[in-house]
PDB file of N, CA and C in Angstrom:
ATOM      1  N   MET A   1       9.074 -21.188  17.398  1.00  0.00           N
ATOM      2  CA  MET A   1       9.665 -19.979  16.870  1.00  0.00           C
ATOM      3  C   MET A   1      10.026 -19.078  18.060  1.00  0.00           C
ATOM      4  N   PRO A   2      11.201 -18.502  18.077  1.00  0.00           N
ATOM      5  CA  PRO A   2      11.609 -17.665  19.217  1.00  0.00           C
ATOM      6  C   PRO A   2      10.815 -16.360  19.264  1.00  0.00           C
ATOM      7  N   ILE A   3      10.524 -15.930  20.472  1.00  0.00           N
ATOM      8  CA  ILE A   3       9.856 -14.649  20.678  1.00  0.00           C
ATOM      9  C   ILE A   3      10.936 -13.572  20.798  1.00  0.00           C
ATOM     10  N   LEU A   4      10.778 -12.501  20.053  1.00  0.00           N
ATOM     11  CA  LEU A   4      11.748 -11.417  20.090  1.00  0.00           C
ATOM     12  C   LEU A   4      11.492 -10.528  21.293  1.00  0.00           C
ATOM     13  N   ASP A   5      12.539 -10.101  21.940  1.00  0.00           N
ATOM     14  CA  ASP A   5      12.430  -9.208  23.084  1.00  0.00           C
ATOM     15  C   ASP A   5      12.574  -7.770  22.592  1.00  0.00           C
ATOM     16  N   LEU A   6      11.468  -7.243  22.020  1.00  0.00           N
ATOM     17  CA  LEU A   6      11.480  -5.902  21.444  1.00  0.00           C
ATOM     18  C   LEU A   6      10.488  -5.015  22.179  1.00  0.00           C
ATOM     19  N   SER A   7      10.822  -3.743  22.308  1.00  0.00           N
ATOM     20  CA  SER A   7       9.863  -2.791  22.848  1.00  0.00           C
ATOM     21  C   SER A   7       8.797  -2.540  21.787  1.00  0.00           C
ATOM     22  N   ILE A   8       7.669  -1.993  22.209  1.00  0.00           N
ATOM     23  CA  ILE A   8       6.603  -1.656  21.258  1.00  0.00           C
ATOM     24  C   ILE A   8       7.131  -0.696  20.201  1.00  0.00           C
ATOM     25  N   ASP A   9       7.891   0.313  20.630  1.00  0.00           N
ATOM     26  CA  ASP A   9       8.446   1.292  19.687  1.00  0.00           C
ATOM     27  C   ASP A   9       9.323   0.616  18.638  1.00  0.00           C
ATOM     28  N   THR A  10      10.202  -0.267  19.094  1.00  0.00           N
ATOM     29  CA  THR A  10      11.111  -0.951  18.173  1.00  0.00           C
ATOM     30  C   THR A  10      10.333  -1.843  17.215  1.00  0.00           C
ATOM     31  N   LEU A  11       9.351  -2.561  17.741  1.00  0.00           N
ATOM     32  CA  LEU A  11       8.572  -3.463  16.907  1.00  0.00           C
ATOM     33  C   LEU A  11       7.839  -2.711  15.804  1.00  0.00           C
ATOM     34  N   LEU A  12       7.206  -1.592  16.166  1.00  0.00           N
ATOM     35  CA  LEU A  12       6.397  -0.863  15.192  1.00  0.00           C
ATOM     36  C   LEU A  12       7.211   0.009  14.252  1.00  0.00           C
ATOM     37  N   THR A  13       8.458   0.282  14.594  1.00  0.00           N
ATOM     38  CA  THR A  13       9.258   1.129  13.712  1.00  0.00           C
ATOM     39  C   THR A  13      10.262   0.346  12.879  1.00  0.00           C
ATOM     40  N   THR A  14      10.292  -0.957  13.048  1.00  0.00           N
ATOM     41  CA  THR A  14      11.193  -1.764  12.221  1.00  0.00           C
ATOM     42  C   THR A  14      10.586  -1.921  10.831  1.00  0.00           C
ATOM     43  N   THR A  15      11.425  -2.057   9.833  1.00  0.00           N
ATOM     44  CA  THR A  15      10.928  -2.214   8.470  1.00  0.00           C
ATOM     45  C   THR A  15      10.860  -3.675   8.055  1.00  0.00           C
ATOM     46  N   ARG A  16      11.283  -4.568   8.952  1.00  0.00           N
ATOM     47  CA  ARG A  16      11.222  -5.983   8.608  1.00  0.00           C
ATOM     48  C   ARG A  16       9.828  -6.540   8.859  1.00  0.00           C
ATOM     49  N   SER A  17       9.441  -7.529   8.078  1.00  0.00           N
ATOM     50  CA  SER A  17       8.145  -8.166   8.247  1.00  0.00           C
ATOM     51  C   SER A  17       8.163  -9.044   9.490  1.00  0.00           C
ATOM     52  N   VAL A  18       7.158  -8.880  10.337  1.00  0.00           N
ATOM     53  CA  VAL A  18       7.097  -9.663  11.577  1.00  0.00           C
ATOM     54  C   VAL A  18       5.788 -10.442  11.689  1.00  0.00           C
ATOM     55  N   ARG A  19       5.004 -10.499  10.635  1.00  0.00           N
ATOM     56  CA  ARG A  19       3.702 -11.155  10.710  1.00  0.00           C
ATOM     57  C   ARG A  19       3.799 -12.595  11.191  1.00  0.00           C
ATOM     58  N   LYS A  20       4.802 -13.321  10.759  1.00  0.00           N
ATOM     59  CA  LYS A  20       4.913 -14.720  11.138  1.00  0.00           C
ATOM     60  C   LYS A  20       5.261 -14.900  12.608  1.00  0.00           C
ATOM     61  N   ARG A  21       5.677 -13.867  13.270  1.00  0.00           N
ATOM     62  CA  ARG A  21       6.060 -13.960  14.674  1.00  0.00           C
ATOM     63  C   ARG A  21       4.943 -13.521  15.618  1.00  0.00           C
ATOM     64  N   LEU A  22       3.842 -13.040  15.085  1.00  0.00           N
ATOM     65  CA  LEU A  22       2.758 -12.558  15.930  1.00  0.00           C
ATOM     66  C   LEU A  22       1.911 -13.717  16.427  1.00  0.00           C
ATOM     67  N   ASP A  23       1.486 -13.658  17.680  1.00  0.00           N
ATOM     68  CA  ASP A  23       0.596 -14.655  18.261  1.00  0.00           C
ATOM     69  C   ASP A  23      -0.812 -14.086  18.219  1.00  0.00           C
ATOM     70  N   LEU A  24      -1.556 -14.409  17.161  1.00  0.00           N
ATOM     71  CA  LEU A  24      -2.877 -13.837  16.963  1.00  0.00           C
ATOM     72  C   LEU A  24      -3.945 -14.477  17.841  1.00  0.00           C
ATOM     73  N   SER A  25      -3.592 -15.521  18.566  1.00  0.00           N
ATOM     74  CA  SER A  25      -4.565 -16.175  19.439  1.00  0.00           C
ATOM     75  C   SER A  25      -4.561 -15.574  20.849  1.00  0.00           C
ATOM     76  N   ARG A  26      -3.603 -14.734  21.149  1.00  0.00           N
ATOM     77  CA  ARG A  26      -3.459 -14.159  22.488  1.00  0.00           C
ATOM     78  C   ARG A  26      -4.052 -12.750  22.506  1.00  0.00           C
ATOM     79  N   PRO A  27      -4.884 -12.429  23.512  1.00  0.00           N
ATOM     80  CA  PRO A  27      -5.441 -11.074  23.582  1.00  0.00           C
ATOM     81  C   PRO A  27      -4.350 -10.029  23.807  1.00  0.00           C
ATOM     82  N   VAL A  28      -4.603  -8.844  23.304  1.00  0.00           N
ATOM     83  CA  VAL A  28      -3.660  -7.739  23.458  1.00  0.00           C
ATOM     84  C   VAL A  28      -4.181  -6.830  24.572  1.00  0.00           C
ATOM     85  N   GLU A  29      -3.308  -6.472  25.486  1.00  0.00           N
ATOM     86  CA  GLU A  29      -3.686  -5.603  26.598  1.00  0.00           C
ATOM     87  C   GLU A  29      -4.099  -4.227  26.071  1.00  0.00           C
ATOM     88  N   PRO A  30      -5.140  -3.620  26.668  1.00  0.00           N
ATOM     89  CA  PRO A  30      -5.587  -2.295  26.217  1.00  0.00           C
ATOM     90  C   PRO A  30      -4.475  -1.243  26.228  1.00  0.00           C
ATOM     91  N   GLY A  31      -3.579  -1.297  27.189  1.00  0.00           N
ATOM     92  CA  GLY A  31      -2.478  -0.335  27.230  1.00  0.00           C
ATOM     93  C   GLY A  31      -1.555  -0.462  26.033  1.00  0.00           C
ATOM     94  N   VAL A  32      -1.350  -1.682  25.558  1.00  0.00           N
ATOM     95  CA  VAL A  32      -0.510  -1.908  24.375  1.00  0.00           C
ATOM     96  C   VAL A  32      -1.200  -1.334  23.139  1.00  0.00           C
ATOM     97  N   ILE A  33      -2.511  -1.541  23.051  1.00  0.00           N
ATOM     98  CA  ILE A  33      -3.272  -0.989  21.919  1.00  0.00           C
ATOM     99  C   ILE A  33      -3.181   0.535  21.930  1.00  0.00           C
ATOM    100  N   ASP A  34      -3.365   1.130  23.113  1.00  0.00           N
ATOM    101  CA  ASP A  34      -3.262   2.591  23.223  1.00  0.00           C
ATOM    102  C   ASP A  34      -1.888   3.089  22.780  1.00  0.00           C
ATOM    103  N   GLU A  35      -0.847   2.376  23.197  1.00  0.00           N
ATOM    104  CA  GLU A  35       0.508   2.790  22.822  1.00  0.00           C
ATOM    105  C   GLU A  35       0.729   2.649  21.320  1.00  0.00           C
ATOM    106  N   CYS A  36       0.189   1.598  20.728  1.00  0.00           N
ATOM    107  CA  CYS A  36       0.309   1.413  19.274  1.00  0.00           C
ATOM    108  C   CYS A  36      -0.385   2.546  18.527  1.00  0.00           C
ATOM    109  N   LEU A  37      -1.556   2.939  19.019  1.00  0.00           N
ATOM    110  CA  LEU A  37      -2.273   4.035  18.364  1.00  0.00           C
ATOM    111  C   LEU A  37      -1.515   5.350  18.500  1.00  0.00           C
ATOM    112  N   GLU A  38      -0.912   5.571  19.655  1.00  0.00           N
ATOM    113  CA  GLU A  38      -0.102   6.782  19.842  1.00  0.00           C
ATOM    114  C   GLU A  38       1.074   6.797  18.861  1.00  0.00           C
ATOM    115  N   LEU A  39       1.698   5.650  18.667  1.00  0.00           N
ATOM    116  CA  LEU A  39       2.804   5.568  17.712  1.00  0.00           C
ATOM    117  C   LEU A  39       2.310   5.743  16.284  1.00  0.00           C
ATOM    118  N   ALA A  40       1.119   5.228  15.985  1.00  0.00           N
ATOM    119  CA  ALA A  40       0.568   5.358  14.636  1.00  0.00           C
ATOM    120  C   ALA A  40       0.337   6.820  14.281  1.00  0.00           C
ATOM    121  N   LEU A  41       0.057   7.640  15.275  1.00  0.00           N
ATOM    122  CA  LEU A  41      -0.154   9.068  15.023  1.00  0.00           C
ATOM    123  C   LEU A  41       1.110   9.760  14.540  1.00  0.00           C
ATOM    124  N   GLN A  42       2.251   9.111  14.687  1.00  0.00           N
ATOM    125  CA  GLN A  42       3.521   9.693  14.238  1.00  0.00           C
ATOM    126  C   GLN A  42       3.731   9.528  12.736  1.00  0.00           C
ATOM    127  N   ALA A  43       2.913   8.674  12.108  1.00  0.00           N
ATOM    128  CA  ALA A  43       3.072   8.421  10.678  1.00  0.00           C
ATOM    129  C   ALA A  43       2.666   9.654   9.872  1.00  0.00           C
ATOM    130  N   PRO A  44       3.393   9.948   8.804  1.00  0.00           N
ATOM    131  CA  PRO A  44       3.034  11.106   7.978  1.00  0.00           C
ATOM    132  C   PRO A  44       1.735  10.853   7.215  1.00  0.00           C
ATOM    133  N   THR A  45       1.033  11.930   6.903  1.00  0.00           N
ATOM    134  CA  THR A  45      -0.177  11.837   6.093  1.00  0.00           C
ATOM    135  C   THR A  45      -0.044  12.784   4.904  1.00  0.00           C
ATOM    136  N   ALA A  46      -0.809  12.522   3.868  1.00  0.00           N
ATOM    137  CA  ALA A  46      -0.780  13.352   2.675  1.00  0.00           C
ATOM    138  C   ALA A  46      -1.196  14.771   3.028  1.00  0.00           C
ATOM    139  N   SER A  47      -0.404  15.723   2.652  1.00  0.00           N
ATOM    140  CA  SER A  47      -0.661  17.142   2.927  1.00  0.00           C
ATOM    141  C   SER A  47      -0.885  17.410   4.408  1.00  0.00           C
ATOM    142  N   ASN A  48      -0.313  16.566   5.249  1.00  0.00           N
ATOM    143  CA  ASN A  48      -0.449  16.699   6.704  1.00  0.00           C
ATOM    144  C   ASN A  48      -1.921  16.788   7.123  1.00  0.00           C
ATOM    145  N   SER A  49      -2.781  16.014   6.452  1.00  0.00           N
ATOM    146  CA  SER A  49      -4.224  16.081   6.708  1.00  0.00           C
ATOM    147  C   SER A  49      -4.605  15.522   8.081  1.00  0.00           C
ATOM    148  N   GLN A  50      -3.867  14.545   8.556  1.00  0.00           N
ATOM    149  CA  GLN A  50      -4.067  13.963   9.879  1.00  0.00           C
ATOM    150  C   GLN A  50      -5.519  13.592  10.147  1.00  0.00           C
ATOM    151  N   SER A  51      -6.157  12.989   9.188  1.00  0.00           N
ATOM    152  CA  SER A  51      -7.574  12.619   9.335  1.00  0.00           C
ATOM    153  C   SER A  51      -7.714  11.168   9.795  1.00  0.00           C
ATOM    154  N   TRP A  52      -7.120  10.885  10.949  1.00  0.00           N
ATOM    155  CA  TRP A  52      -7.139   9.521  11.466  1.00  0.00           C
ATOM    156  C   TRP A  52      -8.476   9.190  12.094  1.00  0.00           C
ATOM    157  N   HIS A  53      -8.869   7.949  11.940  1.00  0.00           N
ATOM    158  CA  HIS A  53     -10.051   7.401  12.611  1.00  0.00           C
ATOM    159  C   HIS A  53      -9.706   5.972  12.996  1.00  0.00           C
ATOM    160  N   PHE A  54      -9.724   5.682  14.280  1.00  0.00           N
ATOM    161  CA  PHE A  54      -9.409   4.347  14.757  1.00  0.00           C
ATOM    162  C   PHE A  54     -10.616   3.772  15.484  1.00  0.00           C
ATOM    163  N   VAL A  55     -10.861   2.504  15.281  1.00  0.00           N
ATOM    164  CA  VAL A  55     -11.891   1.779  16.004  1.00  0.00           C
ATOM    165  C   VAL A  55     -11.238   0.511  16.534  1.00  0.00           C
ATOM    166  N   VAL A  56     -11.320   0.300  17.830  1.00  0.00           N
ATOM    167  CA  VAL A  56     -10.770  -0.903  18.447  1.00  0.00           C
ATOM    168  C   VAL A  56     -11.947  -1.806  18.792  1.00  0.00           C
ATOM    169  N   VAL A  57     -11.985  -2.972  18.187  1.00  0.00           N
ATOM    170  CA  VAL A  57     -13.088  -3.911  18.396  1.00  0.00           C
ATOM    171  C   VAL A  57     -12.551  -5.099  19.184  1.00  0.00           C
ATOM    172  N   THR A  58     -13.099  -5.300  20.375  1.00  0.00           N
ATOM    173  CA  THR A  58     -12.640  -6.398  21.224  1.00  0.00           C
ATOM    174  C   THR A  58     -13.655  -7.535  21.313  1.00  0.00           C
ATOM    175  N   ASP A  59     -14.900  -7.270  20.986  1.00  0.00           N
ATOM    176  CA  ASP A  59     -15.930  -8.308  21.051  1.00  0.00           C
ATOM    177  C   ASP A  59     -15.732  -9.310  19.911  1.00  0.00           C
ATOM    178  N   PRO A  60     -15.582 -10.601  20.225  1.00  0.00           N
ATOM    179  CA  PRO A  60     -15.313 -11.604  19.183  1.00  0.00           C
ATOM    180  C   PRO A  60     -16.406 -11.684  18.114  1.00  0.00           C
ATOM    181  N   HIS A  61     -17.660 -11.506  18.501  1.00  0.00           N
ATOM    182  CA  HIS A  61     -18.749 -11.580  17.521  1.00  0.00           C
ATOM    183  C   HIS A  61     -18.715 -10.388  16.567  1.00  0.00           C
ATOM    184  N   GLN A  62     -18.427  -9.220  17.110  1.00  0.00           N
ATOM    185  CA  GLN A  62     -18.306  -8.036  16.260  1.00  0.00           C
ATOM    186  C   GLN A  62     -17.112  -8.163  15.318  1.00  0.00           C
ATOM    187  N   ARG A  63     -16.017  -8.702  15.832  1.00  0.00           N
ATOM    188  CA  ARG A  63     -14.832  -8.888  14.981  1.00  0.00           C
ATOM    189  C   ARG A  63     -15.137  -9.862  13.849  1.00  0.00           C
ATOM    190  N   GLN A  64     -15.875 -10.932  14.151  1.00  0.00           N
ATOM    191  CA  GLN A  64     -16.241 -11.892  13.112  1.00  0.00           C
ATOM    192  C   GLN A  64     -17.147 -11.247  12.069  1.00  0.00           C
ATOM    193  N   ALA A  65     -18.092 -10.424  12.521  1.00  0.00           N
ATOM    194  CA  ALA A  65     -18.983  -9.731  11.581  1.00  0.00           C
ATOM    195  C   ALA A  65     -18.196  -8.793  10.674  1.00  0.00           C
ATOM    196  N   LEU A  66     -17.232  -8.061  11.248  1.00  0.00           N
ATOM    197  CA  LEU A  66     -16.388  -7.180  10.434  1.00  0.00           C
ATOM    198  C   LEU A  66     -15.532  -7.976   9.462  1.00  0.00           C
ATOM    199  N   ALA A  67     -15.025  -9.115   9.903  1.00  0.00           N
ATOM    200  CA  ALA A  67     -14.212  -9.960   9.023  1.00  0.00           C
ATOM    201  C   ALA A  67     -15.037 -10.449   7.838  1.00  0.00           C
ATOM    202  N   THR A  68     -16.293 -10.784   8.082  1.00  0.00           N
ATOM    203  CA  THR A  68     -17.172 -11.242   7.003  1.00  0.00           C
ATOM    204  C   THR A  68     -17.400 -10.129   5.988  1.00  0.00           C
ATOM    205  N   ILE A  69     -17.654  -8.926   6.477  1.00  0.00           N
ATOM    206  CA  ILE A  69     -17.853  -7.777   5.580  1.00  0.00           C
ATOM    207  C   ILE A  69     -16.580  -7.516   4.768  1.00  0.00           C
ATOM    208  N   TYR A  70     -15.439  -7.538   5.433  1.00  0.00           N
ATOM    209  CA  TYR A  70     -14.161  -7.292   4.757  1.00  0.00           C
ATOM    210  C   TYR A  70     -13.910  -8.362   3.693  1.00  0.00           C
ATOM    211  N   ARG A  71     -14.172  -9.616   4.041  1.00  0.00           N
ATOM    212  CA  ARG A  71     -13.953 -10.725   3.104  1.00  0.00           C
ATOM    213  C   ARG A  71     -14.810 -10.565   1.855  1.00  0.00           C
ATOM    214  N   LYS A  72     -16.088 -10.184   2.045  1.00  0.00           N
ATOM    215  CA  LYS A  72     -16.976  -9.982   0.897  1.00  0.00           C
ATOM    216  C   LYS A  72     -16.465  -8.855   0.004  1.00  0.00           C
ATOM    217  N   GLY A  73     -15.999  -7.777   0.621  1.00  0.00           N
ATOM    218  CA  GLY A  73     -15.443  -6.667  -0.161  1.00  0.00           C
ATOM    219  C   GLY A  73     -14.214  -7.091  -0.948  1.00  0.00           C
ATOM    220  N   ALA A  74     -13.347  -7.897  -0.313  1.00  0.00           N
ATOM    221  CA  ALA A  74     -12.139  -8.371  -1.001  1.00  0.00           C
ATOM    222  C   ALA A  74     -12.509  -9.288  -2.158  1.00  0.00           C
ATOM    223  N   GLU A  75     -13.520 -10.117  -1.964  1.00  0.00           N
ATOM    224  CA  GLU A  75     -13.961 -11.004  -3.052  1.00  0.00           C
ATOM    225  C   GLU A  75     -14.500 -10.202  -4.231  1.00  0.00           C
ATOM    226  N   ARG A  76     -15.276  -9.167  -3.945  1.00  0.00           N
ATOM    227  CA  ARG A  76     -15.792  -8.313  -5.023  1.00  0.00           C
ATOM    228  C   ARG A  76     -14.654  -7.629  -5.773  1.00  0.00           C
ATOM    229  N   TYR A  77     -13.678  -7.167  -5.018  1.00  0.00           N
ATOM    230  CA  TYR A  77     -12.521  -6.518  -5.642  1.00  0.00           C
ATOM    231  C   TYR A  77     -11.796  -7.492  -6.559  1.00  0.00           C
ATOM    232  N   ARG A  78     -11.582  -8.717  -6.102  1.00  0.00           N
ATOM    233  CA  ARG A  78     -10.899  -9.723  -6.929  1.00  0.00           C
ATOM    234  C   ARG A  78     -11.683 -10.019  -8.199  1.00  0.00           C
ATOM    235  N   GLU A  79     -13.007 -10.037  -8.113  1.00  0.00           N
ATOM    236  CA  GLU A  79     -13.829 -10.295  -9.297  1.00  0.00           C
ATOM    237  C   GLU A  79     -13.658  -9.192 -10.342  1.00  0.00           C
ATOM    238  N   LEU A  80     -13.440  -7.972  -9.883  1.00  0.00           N
ATOM    239  CA  LEU A  80     -13.280  -6.847 -10.799  1.00  0.00           C
ATOM    240  C   LEU A  80     -11.902  -6.815 -11.452  1.00  0.00           C
ATOM    241  N   MET A  81     -10.943  -7.422 -10.821  1.00  0.00           N
ATOM    242  CA  MET A  81      -9.573  -7.381 -11.335  1.00  0.00           C
ATOM    243  C   MET A  81      -9.394  -8.357 -12.432  1.00  0.00           C
TER     244      MET A  81
END
């Protein structure tokens, strides 16, 4: 699959789905994460509340633990639906 030559700004502000083009096996540089968070702050919030909270988890074991918690929550939600 071809890699698109897009700036971070262009990538995050496009309305097209790009999930299939992401390389989830490659680590993301901390500077790129910082820039993404800065761009995320531009998003509107309800009543301009701006109550953002971001957590960047880089440790693989912690990420796996969070994924397990998230998966269990999603399973419970599906059971209720």
